[in-house]
């Protein structure tokens, strides 16, 4: 029975060490660090949380990427607004023809019938007739004849042409098309702004969690080192007692203690590695180089009870949560798409105008002064008559999209409230666990102290001392982990509600 209890005590001690390592491994794994080899840091710096956040906002590459997304959306919005302005364009060009263009009048023949041509105004003309003399003639006959006109090649203009024109088009009525495009673009801008806000919240959340994760890593490493030092002292005391004592402590006790010390030594090495990787993860989140590590200035994770009310947090989330606001902007953009689709049923009305100038060296044919310059003003209308029900189905599609987004809004509304409630309840549980683990840690410290002093006087068994030392390490690690969980849940709540970073950015 005693041996079974001893084995049970040793198993509890082993589980305590393994649990302490698992606590920290979970924290470091959350950093998403793929490397598993220990690296030698060339640069190390110390910073507090505010400095880490400031550096992350300046250096993290996700932030400028989200800013460019906003700039793209704003440019698209300005493109939509351009439809309200007249579209003016200037054209110019030079053209060289291989030959001068011409117009060929074909050859033709027309007949003149025989006729008697009288002298106008009743007058006469003198006509000299040989052998007769000069006599007055008041008319004379013309015989029938045919007159042939040869083909005529008329040159229209010089082969070298230089032209310029100024064109203007102004859409007066479009059935709501431009307004729909504008609403779509405005909704997209708001969505990208919410994406940028979400990025800022996620960066702040990551920095806060990795910062206090690094603090926890250092605390757990210190717990491991202190426990190893105590275990080594106990091992030396056990060796002395079994060699020089009265036989109550045996060599088997020393061997079992030796196994635990060496096992703990390997775990402490893993804790040291995890502590360094936690610093590197923090530096990576801040946008620093891979060979840079950041040492948190805080020695322990702060703890303060959370005092906000659940209903107030949910109400704030419906105003500030980026996902919620992004969905509302998406609904507005989809409603603009409906308006754009419906514009296909209505006519389009536009005013057009043109100023033109033509330079040509010829002055005849087509190249007359009247043709070389001028202006044109017109009004055009496009009326859709039938498109195979294309517009009708576009409207149906966009309306279905709006209905779909509104239904998703109900799901997100409930889901967001459930997430906040879960985090809020987690905070309450963490606060209760904080007090319980604090008392357990203090009791474990006192138990370890009492058992160590009793062991020096050979009043307790070896495995009981070892169990007390490992239990102190386990309770300490559990308490530090609860403190970290509490502040990590607060950071997650800030991410869900979406207010803290907004206040920080507005205060700058």
Protein backbone atom coordinates (compact mmCIF):
# COMPACT_ATOMS: atom_id res chain seq x y z
CA UNK A 1 0.00 0.00 0.00
CA UNK A 2 2.83 2.40 0.90
CA UNK A 3 4.59 1.68 -2.38
CA UNK A 4 1.39 2.38 -4.33
CA UNK A 5 1.01 5.69 -2.52
CA UNK A 6 4.63 6.52 -3.31
CA UNK A 7 4.13 5.72 -6.98
CA UNK A 8 0.95 7.76 -6.98
CA UNK A 9 2.79 10.70 -5.44
CA UNK A 10 5.56 10.48 -8.04
CA UNK A 11 2.99 10.36 -10.85
CA UNK A 12 1.27 13.44 -9.47
CA UNK A 13 4.61 15.24 -9.41
CA UNK A 14 5.37 14.24 -12.98
CA UNK A 15 1.94 15.39 -14.11
CA UNK A 16 2.50 18.70 -12.37
CA UNK A 17 5.69 19.34 -14.31
CA UNK A 18 4.12 18.29 -17.59
CA UNK A 19 1.11 20.55 -16.92
CA UNK A 20 3.36 23.52 -16.26
CA UNK A 21 5.10 22.99 -19.59
CA UNK A 22 1.78 22.55 -21.42
CA UNK A 23 0.51 25.88 -20.03
CA UNK A 24 3.34 27.77 -21.67
CA UNK A 25 3.37 25.68 -24.85
CA UNK A 26 -0.26 26.69 -25.48
CA UNK A 27 0.66 30.36 -25.16
CA UNK A 28 3.62 30.15 -27.52
CA UNK A 29 1.71 28.01 -30.01
CA UNK A 30 -0.86 30.79 -30.29
CA UNK A 31 1.84 33.03 -31.74
CA UNK A 32 1.87 30.98 -34.91
CA UNK A 33 5.68 30.59 -34.86
CA UNK A 34 6.70 27.83 -37.22
CA UNK A 35 10.33 27.53 -36.18
CA UNK A 36 11.15 24.87 -33.61
CA UNK A 37 14.87 25.48 -33.29
CA UNK A 38 16.21 27.80 -30.64
CA UNK A 39 17.71 30.94 -32.17
CA UNK A 40 20.40 33.20 -30.83
CA UNK A 41 18.99 36.71 -30.57
CA UNK A 42 21.34 39.41 -31.74
CA UNK A 43 19.21 42.34 -30.64
CA UNK A 44 17.16 42.59 -27.48
CA UNK A 45 15.20 45.51 -26.17
CA UNK A 46 12.96 46.16 -23.22
CA UNK A 47 9.59 47.85 -23.64
CA UNK A 48 6.33 48.26 -21.81
CA UNK A 49 2.93 47.51 -23.29
CA UNK A 50 2.26 51.03 -24.56
CA UNK A 51 5.62 51.13 -26.34
CA UNK A 52 4.95 47.74 -27.89
CA UNK A 53 1.56 48.89 -29.17
CA UNK A 54 3.03 52.10 -30.58
CA UNK A 55 5.78 50.20 -32.36
CA UNK A 56 3.32 47.66 -33.74
CA UNK A 57 1.08 50.41 -35.16
CA UNK A 58 4.11 51.93 -36.86
CA UNK A 59 5.82 48.78 -38.18
CA UNK A 60 3.24 46.03 -38.62
CA UNK A 61 2.84 45.43 -42.36
CA UNK A 62 -0.85 44.56 -42.10
CA UNK A 63 -1.68 48.15 -41.22
CA UNK A 64 -0.40 49.88 -44.41
CA UNK A 65 -1.98 47.08 -46.46
CA UNK A 66 -5.37 47.88 -44.95
CA UNK A 67 -4.76 51.61 -45.51
CA UNK A 68 -4.12 50.98 -49.20
CA UNK A 69 -7.37 49.02 -49.38
CA UNK A 70 -9.18 52.10 -48.04
CA UNK A 71 -7.39 54.31 -50.57
CA UNK A 72 -8.48 51.98 -53.38
CA UNK A 73 -12.10 52.10 -52.23
CA UNK A 74 -12.03 55.90 -51.98
CA UNK A 75 -10.61 56.12 -55.50
CA UNK A 76 -13.45 53.90 -56.73
CA UNK A 77 -15.93 56.21 -55.02
CA UNK A 78 -14.44 59.20 -56.81
CA UNK A 79 -14.72 57.27 -60.07
CA UNK A 80 -18.44 56.85 -59.41
CA UNK A 81 -18.80 60.59 -58.75
CA UNK A 82 -17.11 61.37 -62.08
CA UNK A 83 -20.30 60.31 -63.87
CA UNK A 84 -22.04 63.50 -62.70
CA UNK A 85 -19.57 65.72 -64.57
CA UNK A 86 -19.40 66.44 -68.32
CA UNK A 87 -16.95 64.23 -70.15
CA UNK A 88 -14.69 66.49 -72.23
CA UNK A 89 -12.03 65.23 -74.62
CA UNK A 90 -9.59 66.78 -77.07
CA UNK A 91 -8.61 64.91 -80.20
CA UNK A 92 -6.00 65.78 -82.76
CA UNK A 93 -4.15 64.04 -85.54
CA UNK A 94 -2.20 64.23 -88.76
CA UNK A 95 -3.04 62.16 -91.81
CA UNK A 96 -1.14 61.67 -95.06
CA UNK A 97 -3.01 60.12 -97.99
CA UNK A 98 -1.15 58.28 -100.73
CA UNK A 99 -3.00 60.38 -103.29
CA UNK A 100 -5.25 63.39 -103.21
CA UNK A 101 -8.89 62.27 -103.19
CA UNK A 102 -10.88 63.24 -106.27
CA UNK A 103 -14.37 63.22 -107.77
CA UNK A 104 -14.72 62.17 -111.42
CA UNK A 105 -17.55 63.64 -113.49
CA UNK A 106 -18.07 61.15 -116.36
CA UNK A 107 -18.14 62.26 -120.04
CA UNK A 108 -21.60 63.04 -121.43
CA UNK A 109 -23.32 64.08 -124.73
CA UNK A 110 -26.51 66.08 -125.15
CA UNK A 111 -28.37 67.02 -128.38
CA UNK A 112 -29.47 70.51 -129.47
CA UNK A 113 -32.53 70.48 -131.83
CA UNK A 114 -32.83 72.71 -134.94
CA UNK A 115 -34.25 76.07 -134.10
CA UNK A 116 -34.64 79.64 -135.46
CA UNK A 117 -33.00 82.20 -133.16
CA UNK A 118 -34.57 85.70 -133.32
CA UNK A 119 -32.72 88.88 -132.57
CA UNK A 120 -33.92 90.20 -129.20
CA UNK A 121 -35.86 93.46 -128.85
CA UNK A 122 -37.03 93.28 -132.55
CA UNK A 123 -33.62 94.32 -133.75
CA UNK A 124 -31.57 93.06 -136.63
CA UNK A 125 -27.98 92.44 -137.53
CA UNK A 126 -26.38 93.25 -140.92
CA UNK A 127 -25.35 90.19 -142.88
CA UNK A 128 -23.26 90.47 -146.09
CA UNK A 129 -24.35 88.06 -148.79
CA UNK A 130 -21.87 87.63 -151.63
CA UNK A 131 -23.28 88.87 -154.89
CA UNK A 132 -26.21 90.43 -153.10
CA UNK A 133 -24.79 92.85 -150.63
CA UNK A 134 -25.53 93.65 -147.02
CA UNK A 135 -29.02 92.98 -145.80
CA UNK A 136 -30.58 93.27 -142.30
CA UNK A 137 -31.48 89.92 -140.68
CA UNK A 138 -33.86 89.74 -137.72
CA UNK A 139 -33.41 85.94 -137.13
CA UNK A 140 -31.25 83.06 -138.25
CA UNK A 141 -31.74 79.29 -138.21
CA UNK A 142 -29.56 76.83 -136.19
CA UNK A 143 -29.37 73.26 -137.42
CA UNK A 144 -29.78 70.25 -135.12
CA UNK A 145 -26.46 69.13 -133.51
CA UNK A 146 -24.89 67.03 -130.63
CA UNK A 147 -22.54 68.54 -128.01
CA UNK A 148 -20.07 66.17 -126.15
CA UNK A 149 -18.69 67.12 -122.65
CA UNK A 150 -15.45 65.27 -121.76
CA UNK A 151 -14.86 63.62 -118.34
CA UNK A 152 -13.71 65.99 -115.56
CA UNK A 153 -11.32 64.95 -112.73
CA UNK A 154 -11.99 67.28 -109.73
CA UNK A 155 -9.44 67.26 -106.85
CA UNK A 156 -11.23 67.40 -103.47
CA UNK A 157 -8.40 68.22 -101.04
CA UNK A 158 -4.69 68.08 -100.41
CA UNK A 159 -3.36 64.66 -99.26
CA UNK A 160 -1.82 66.21 -96.11
CA UNK A 161 -4.47 66.76 -93.41
CA UNK A 162 -4.23 68.11 -89.87
CA UNK A 163 -7.34 68.08 -87.66
CA UNK A 164 -8.37 68.81 -84.08
CA UNK A 165 -11.68 68.55 -82.23
CA UNK A 166 -13.03 69.25 -78.76
CA UNK A 167 -15.82 66.86 -77.70
CA UNK A 168 -18.18 67.09 -74.72
CA UNK A 169 -20.86 64.68 -73.45
CA UNK A 170 -23.05 65.35 -70.43
CA UNK A 171 -25.46 62.73 -69.15
CA UNK A 172 -28.56 64.52 -67.91
CA UNK A 173 -30.80 61.62 -66.91
CA UNK A 174 -29.86 57.97 -66.32
CA UNK A 175 -32.75 56.49 -64.31
CA UNK A 176 -30.70 56.27 -61.10
CA UNK A 177 -27.67 54.47 -62.52
CA UNK A 178 -25.07 56.96 -61.26
CA UNK A 179 -26.69 57.20 -57.84
CA UNK A 180 -26.62 53.43 -57.53
CA UNK A 181 -22.93 53.31 -58.45
CA UNK A 182 -22.24 56.06 -55.93
CA UNK A 183 -24.04 54.17 -53.14
CA UNK A 184 -22.16 50.98 -53.99
CA UNK A 185 -18.81 52.76 -53.91
CA UNK A 186 -19.66 54.56 -50.65
CA UNK A 187 -20.61 51.25 -49.05
CA UNK A 188 -17.35 49.71 -50.22
CA UNK A 189 -15.38 52.60 -48.72
CA UNK A 190 -17.08 52.06 -45.36
CA UNK A 191 -16.41 48.34 -45.54
CA UNK A 192 -12.70 48.91 -46.15
CA UNK A 193 -12.57 51.40 -43.27
CA UNK A 194 -14.09 48.77 -41.01
CA UNK A 195 -11.53 46.26 -42.30
CA UNK A 196 -8.79 48.72 -41.38
CA UNK A 197 -10.34 49.19 -37.93
CA UNK A 198 -10.50 45.42 -37.56
CA UNK A 199 -6.82 45.18 -38.45
CA UNK A 200 -5.92 47.73 -35.76
CA UNK A 201 -7.97 45.81 -33.20
CA UNK A 202 -6.36 42.51 -34.15
CA UNK A 203 -2.86 43.98 -33.96
CA UNK A 204 -3.57 45.43 -30.52
CA UNK A 205 -5.07 42.14 -29.37
CA UNK A 206 -2.09 40.15 -30.65
CA UNK A 207 0.46 42.49 -29.08
CA UNK A 208 -1.34 42.45 -25.73
CA UNK A 209 -1.67 38.67 -25.65
CA UNK A 210 1.92 38.06 -26.76
CA UNK A 211 3.23 40.68 -24.36
CA UNK A 212 1.61 39.10 -21.33
CA UNK A 213 2.29 35.67 -22.79
CA UNK A 214 5.97 36.57 -22.66
CA UNK A 215 5.50 37.75 -19.06
CA UNK A 216 3.87 34.40 -18.27
CA UNK A 217 6.71 32.56 -20.01
CA UNK A 218 9.25 34.34 -17.86
CA UNK A 219 7.25 33.59 -14.70
CA UNK A 220 6.93 29.90 -15.57
CA UNK A 221 10.62 29.71 -16.39
CA UNK A 222 11.39 31.25 -13.02
CA UNK A 223 9.05 28.79 -11.32
CA UNK A 224 10.83 25.95 -13.09
CA UNK A 225 14.27 27.21 -12.12
CA UNK A 226 13.25 27.74 -8.48
CA UNK A 227 11.66 24.31 -8.32
CA UNK A 228 14.75 22.74 -9.88
CA UNK A 229 16.98 24.49 -7.35
CA UNK A 230 14.84 23.23 -4.46
CA UNK A 231 14.75 19.74 -5.91
CA UNK A 232 18.52 19.73 -6.27
CA UNK A 233 18.87 20.83 -2.64
CA UNK A 234 16.47 18.09 -1.60
CA UNK A 235 18.48 15.60 -3.68
CA UNK A 236 21.69 16.59 -1.92
CA UNK A 237 19.96 16.38 1.45
CA UNK A 238 18.54 12.95 0.55
CA UNK A 239 21.99 11.71 -0.44
CA UNK A 240 23.46 12.93 2.82
CA UNK A 241 20.65 11.44 4.87
CA UNK A 242 20.79 7.99 3.31
CA UNK A 243 24.57 7.89 3.56
CA UNK A 244 24.91 9.35 7.04
CA UNK A 245 21.45 8.95 8.54
CA UNK A 246 19.91 6.25 10.63
CA UNK A 247 18.55 4.27 7.69
CA UNK A 248 15.10 5.80 7.38
CA UNK A 249 16.04 7.34 4.02
CA UNK A 250 17.20 4.70 1.56
CA UNK A 251 19.11 4.76 -1.69
CA UNK A 252 15.88 4.05 -3.55
CA UNK A 253 14.53 7.37 -2.26
CA UNK A 254 17.62 9.12 -3.56
CA UNK A 255 17.29 7.41 -6.96
CA UNK A 256 13.64 8.35 -7.29
CA UNK A 257 14.53 11.92 -6.36
CA UNK A 258 17.34 11.85 -8.90
CA UNK A 259 14.95 10.77 -11.66
CA UNK A 260 12.59 13.64 -10.86
CA UNK A 261 15.40 16.21 -10.77
CA UNK A 262 16.76 15.23 -14.17
CA UNK A 263 13.26 15.10 -15.66
CA UNK A 264 12.58 18.54 -14.29
CA UNK A 265 15.89 19.80 -15.65
CA UNK A 266 14.86 18.83 -19.20
CA UNK A 267 11.50 20.53 -18.71
CA UNK A 268 13.21 23.70 -17.50
CA UNK A 269 15.27 23.70 -20.70
CA UNK A 270 12.03 23.57 -22.69
CA UNK A 271 10.64 26.43 -20.59
CA UNK A 272 13.72 28.51 -21.42
CA UNK A 273 13.26 27.82 -25.10
CA UNK A 274 9.57 28.74 -24.91
CA UNK A 275 10.38 31.97 -23.08
CA UNK A 276 12.78 33.03 -25.85
CA UNK A 277 10.28 32.12 -28.55
CA UNK A 278 7.59 34.12 -26.75
CA UNK A 279 9.85 37.19 -26.92
CA UNK A 280 10.49 36.58 -30.61
CA UNK A 281 6.77 36.17 -31.25
CA UNK A 282 6.14 39.52 -29.57
CA UNK A 283 8.81 41.19 -31.71
CA UNK A 284 7.36 39.62 -34.86
CA UNK A 285 3.89 40.94 -34.03
CA UNK A 286 5.40 44.39 -33.55
CA UNK A 287 6.82 44.22 -37.08
CA UNK A 288 10.47 43.88 -36.00
CA UNK A 289 13.14 41.70 -37.55
CA UNK A 290 13.30 37.96 -36.84
CA UNK A 291 16.59 38.33 -34.95
CA UNK A 292 15.12 40.93 -32.57
CA UNK A 293 13.53 40.02 -29.24
CA UNK A 294 11.50 42.19 -26.92
CA UNK A 295 11.67 41.76 -23.17
CA UNK A 296 8.50 42.93 -21.39
CA UNK A 297 9.08 45.59 -18.76
CA UNK A 298 6.33 44.16 -16.54
CA UNK A 299 7.39 41.47 -14.11
CA UNK A 300 3.92 40.03 -13.62
CA UNK A 301 0.51 40.08 -15.26
CA UNK A 302 -1.76 42.73 -13.73
CA UNK A 303 -5.15 41.75 -12.39
CA UNK A 304 -8.15 44.01 -11.94
CA UNK A 305 -11.81 42.92 -11.68
CA UNK A 306 -13.89 43.62 -14.78
CA UNK A 307 -16.74 46.00 -13.94
CA UNK A 308 -18.61 46.56 -17.24
CA UNK A 309 -22.13 45.15 -17.67
CA UNK A 310 -23.02 42.54 -20.28
CA UNK A 311 -25.93 44.48 -21.83
CA UNK A 312 -23.78 47.59 -22.18
CA UNK A 313 -21.06 45.61 -23.93
CA UNK A 314 -23.52 44.10 -26.39
CA UNK A 315 -25.02 47.53 -27.17
CA UNK A 316 -21.54 48.97 -27.72
CA UNK A 317 -20.66 46.10 -30.03
CA UNK A 318 -23.63 46.92 -32.28
CA UNK A 319 -22.16 50.39 -32.70
CA UNK A 320 -18.43 49.73 -32.89
CA UNK A 321 -17.83 46.10 -33.88
CA UNK A 322 -16.13 46.14 -37.32
CA UNK A 323 -17.85 42.97 -38.57
CA UNK A 324 -21.27 44.38 -37.69
CA UNK A 325 -20.56 47.76 -39.27
CA UNK A 326 -19.05 46.09 -42.32
CA UNK A 327 -22.23 44.08 -42.86
CA UNK A 328 -24.37 47.21 -42.58
CA UNK A 329 -22.17 48.93 -45.16
CA UNK A 330 -22.50 45.86 -47.38
CA UNK A 331 -26.30 46.11 -47.18
CA UNK A 332 -26.15 49.77 -48.25
CA UNK A 333 -23.88 48.83 -51.16
CA UNK A 334 -26.25 46.02 -52.19
CA UNK A 335 -29.19 48.44 -52.14
CA UNK A 336 -27.20 50.69 -54.45
CA UNK A 337 -26.73 47.72 -56.78
CA UNK A 338 -30.53 47.31 -56.84
CA UNK A 339 -30.90 50.95 -57.87
CA UNK A 340 -28.29 50.52 -60.60
CA UNK A 341 -30.01 47.42 -61.95
CA UNK A 342 -33.44 49.16 -61.99
CA UNK A 343 -32.00 52.00 -64.06
CA UNK A 344 -31.96 49.60 -67.00
CA UNK A 345 -35.73 50.09 -67.30
CA UNK A 346 -35.43 53.86 -67.84
CA UNK A 347 -34.18 55.96 -70.78
CA UNK A 348 -30.87 57.78 -70.86
CA UNK A 349 -30.68 61.44 -71.93
CA UNK A 350 -27.45 63.25 -72.80
CA UNK A 351 -26.23 66.48 -74.39
CA UNK A 352 -23.34 66.31 -76.86
CA UNK A 353 -21.20 68.98 -78.45
CA UNK A 354 -18.14 69.28 -80.67
CA UNK A 355 -15.76 72.00 -81.90
CA UNK A 356 -13.68 71.03 -84.93
CA UNK A 357 -10.84 72.52 -86.96
CA UNK A 358 -9.29 71.17 -90.18
CA UNK A 359 -6.08 72.33 -91.80
CA UNK A 360 -5.64 71.60 -95.54
CA UNK A 361 -3.64 73.48 -98.15
CA UNK A 362 -6.37 73.27 -100.80
CA UNK A 363 -9.20 75.78 -100.95
CA UNK A 364 -11.50 74.05 -103.43
CA UNK A 365 -13.35 70.76 -103.55
CA UNK A 366 -14.09 69.70 -99.97
CA UNK A 367 -11.37 71.93 -98.49
CA UNK A 368 -13.44 75.09 -98.42
CA UNK A 369 -13.39 77.58 -95.58
CA UNK A 370 -16.89 76.51 -94.57
CA UNK A 371 -15.86 72.89 -94.21
CA UNK A 372 -12.57 73.52 -92.43
CA UNK A 373 -14.08 74.61 -89.13
CA UNK A 374 -17.38 74.51 -87.27
CA UNK A 375 -19.29 73.23 -84.27
CA UNK A 376 -22.04 70.77 -83.46
CA UNK A 377 -24.56 70.62 -80.61
CA UNK A 378 -27.03 67.80 -80.11
CA UNK A 379 -29.32 65.98 -77.71
CA UNK A 380 -29.40 62.19 -77.65
CA UNK A 381 -31.74 59.73 -76.00
CA UNK A 382 -31.51 55.97 -75.55
CA UNK A 383 -34.74 54.15 -74.73
CA UNK A 384 -34.60 50.44 -73.81
CA UNK A 385 -37.44 48.49 -75.36
CA UNK A 386 -36.69 44.80 -74.87
CA UNK A 387 -33.62 42.98 -73.55
CA UNK A 388 -34.85 39.44 -73.15
CA UNK A 389 -35.80 40.06 -69.48
CA UNK A 390 -32.15 40.79 -68.67
CA UNK A 391 -32.84 43.88 -66.56
CA UNK A 392 -35.71 42.22 -64.72
CA UNK A 393 -33.51 39.33 -63.65
CA UNK A 394 -30.66 41.63 -62.66
CA UNK A 395 -33.05 43.45 -60.34
CA UNK A 396 -34.26 40.14 -58.92
CA UNK A 397 -30.67 39.04 -58.30
CA UNK A 398 -29.66 42.22 -56.47
CA UNK A 399 -32.82 42.19 -54.36
CA UNK A 400 -32.11 38.60 -53.36
CA UNK A 401 -28.60 39.67 -52.38
CA UNK A 402 -29.99 42.40 -50.12
CA UNK A 403 -32.41 39.93 -48.50
CA UNK A 404 -29.57 37.45 -47.98
CA UNK A 405 -27.40 40.04 -46.25
CA UNK A 406 -30.26 41.10 -44.00
CA UNK A 407 -30.83 37.51 -42.93
CA UNK A 408 -27.11 37.14 -42.25
CA UNK A 409 -27.33 40.28 -40.16
CA UNK A 410 -29.72 38.52 -37.78
CA UNK A 411 -27.30 35.62 -37.48
CA UNK A 412 -24.34 37.90 -36.81
CA UNK A 413 -26.35 39.89 -34.29
CA UNK A 414 -27.09 36.81 -32.23
CA UNK A 415 -23.66 35.29 -32.77
CA UNK A 416 -21.90 38.47 -31.69
CA UNK A 417 -23.98 38.67 -28.53
CA UNK A 418 -23.24 35.00 -27.75
CA UNK A 419 -19.49 35.52 -28.22
CA UNK A 420 -19.54 38.54 -25.92
CA UNK A 421 -21.57 36.63 -23.35
CA UNK A 422 -19.16 33.68 -23.49
CA UNK A 423 -16.16 35.97 -23.02
CA UNK A 424 -17.93 37.86 -20.24
CA UNK A 425 -18.72 34.62 -18.40
CA UNK A 426 -15.14 33.51 -18.96
CA UNK A 427 -13.97 36.67 -17.25
CA UNK A 428 -16.24 35.97 -14.28
CA UNK A 429 -14.93 32.43 -14.07
CA UNK A 430 -11.34 33.66 -14.32
CA UNK A 431 -11.90 36.10 -11.46
CA UNK A 432 -13.23 33.30 -9.28
CA UNK A 433 -10.38 31.02 -10.34
CA UNK A 434 -7.91 33.78 -9.56
CA UNK A 435 -8.87 33.87 -5.91
CA UNK A 436 -9.02 30.08 -5.66
CA UNK A 437 -5.64 29.50 -7.33
CA UNK A 438 -4.09 32.28 -5.23
CA UNK A 439 -5.16 30.56 -2.05
CA UNK A 440 -4.05 27.19 -3.43
CA UNK A 441 -0.65 28.63 -4.35
CA UNK A 442 -0.18 30.14 -0.89
CA UNK A 443 -1.21 26.86 0.71
CA UNK A 444 1.20 24.97 -1.57
CA UNK A 445 4.05 27.33 -0.61
CA UNK A 446 3.33 26.79 3.07
CA UNK A 447 3.03 23.03 2.59
CA UNK A 448 6.35 22.88 0.75
CA UNK A 449 8.04 24.90 3.51
CA UNK A 450 6.63 22.71 6.28
CA UNK A 451 7.46 19.47 4.51
CA UNK A 452 10.98 20.61 3.74
CA UNK A 453 11.68 21.48 7.38
CA UNK A 454 10.08 18.24 8.53
CA UNK A 455 12.15 16.26 6.05
CA UNK A 456 15.34 17.77 7.42
CA UNK A 457 14.35 16.22 10.75
CA UNK A 458 13.35 12.94 9.06
CA UNK A 459 9.71 13.39 10.04
CA UNK A 460 8.21 12.87 6.55
CA UNK A 461 8.91 10.60 3.62
CA UNK A 462 10.97 11.68 0.60
CA UNK A 463 8.12 11.40 -1.90
CA UNK A 464 6.00 13.73 0.21
CA UNK A 465 8.63 16.46 0.03
CA UNK A 466 8.94 15.99 -3.70
CA UNK A 467 5.17 16.07 -4.15
CA UNK A 468 4.94 19.26 -2.07
CA UNK A 469 7.61 20.97 -4.18
CA UNK A 470 6.02 19.92 -7.45
CA UNK A 471 2.56 20.88 -6.21
CA UNK A 472 3.86 24.37 -5.40
CA UNK A 473 5.19 24.65 -8.96
CA UNK A 474 1.90 23.42 -10.38
CA UNK A 475 -0.24 25.79 -8.29
CA UNK A 476 2.03 28.73 -9.08
CA UNK A 477 1.90 27.99 -12.80
CA UNK A 478 -1.86 27.55 -12.65
CA UNK A 479 -2.30 30.86 -10.84
CA UNK A 480 -0.10 32.73 -13.32
CA UNK A 481 -1.98 31.11 -16.18
CA UNK A 482 -5.32 32.23 -14.71
CA UNK A 483 -4.03 35.81 -14.50
CA UNK A 484 -2.93 35.60 -18.11
CA UNK A 485 -6.29 34.13 -19.18
CA UNK A 486 -8.10 36.97 -17.43
CA UNK A 487 -6.23 39.69 -19.28
CA UNK A 488 -6.37 37.72 -22.55
CA UNK A 489 -10.16 37.53 -22.22
CA UNK A 490 -10.28 41.28 -21.66
CA UNK A 491 -8.26 41.74 -24.83
CA UNK A 492 -10.64 39.44 -26.71
CA UNK A 493 -13.58 41.43 -25.39
CA UNK A 494 -12.01 44.63 -26.68
CA UNK A 495 -11.61 42.92 -30.04
CA UNK A 496 -15.28 41.91 -30.11
CA UNK A 497 -16.66 45.25 -28.95
CA UNK A 498 -14.21 47.29 -31.02
CA UNK A 499 -13.93 50.39 -28.85
CA UNK A 500 -10.55 50.49 -27.14
CA UNK A 501 -8.30 50.99 -30.16
CA UNK A 502 -10.74 53.52 -31.56
CA UNK A 503 -10.34 55.60 -28.40
CA UNK A 504 -6.55 55.29 -28.57
CA UNK A 505 -6.43 56.42 -32.17
CA UNK A 506 -8.79 59.34 -31.58
CA UNK A 507 -6.72 60.51 -28.61
CA UNK A 508 -3.61 60.98 -30.75
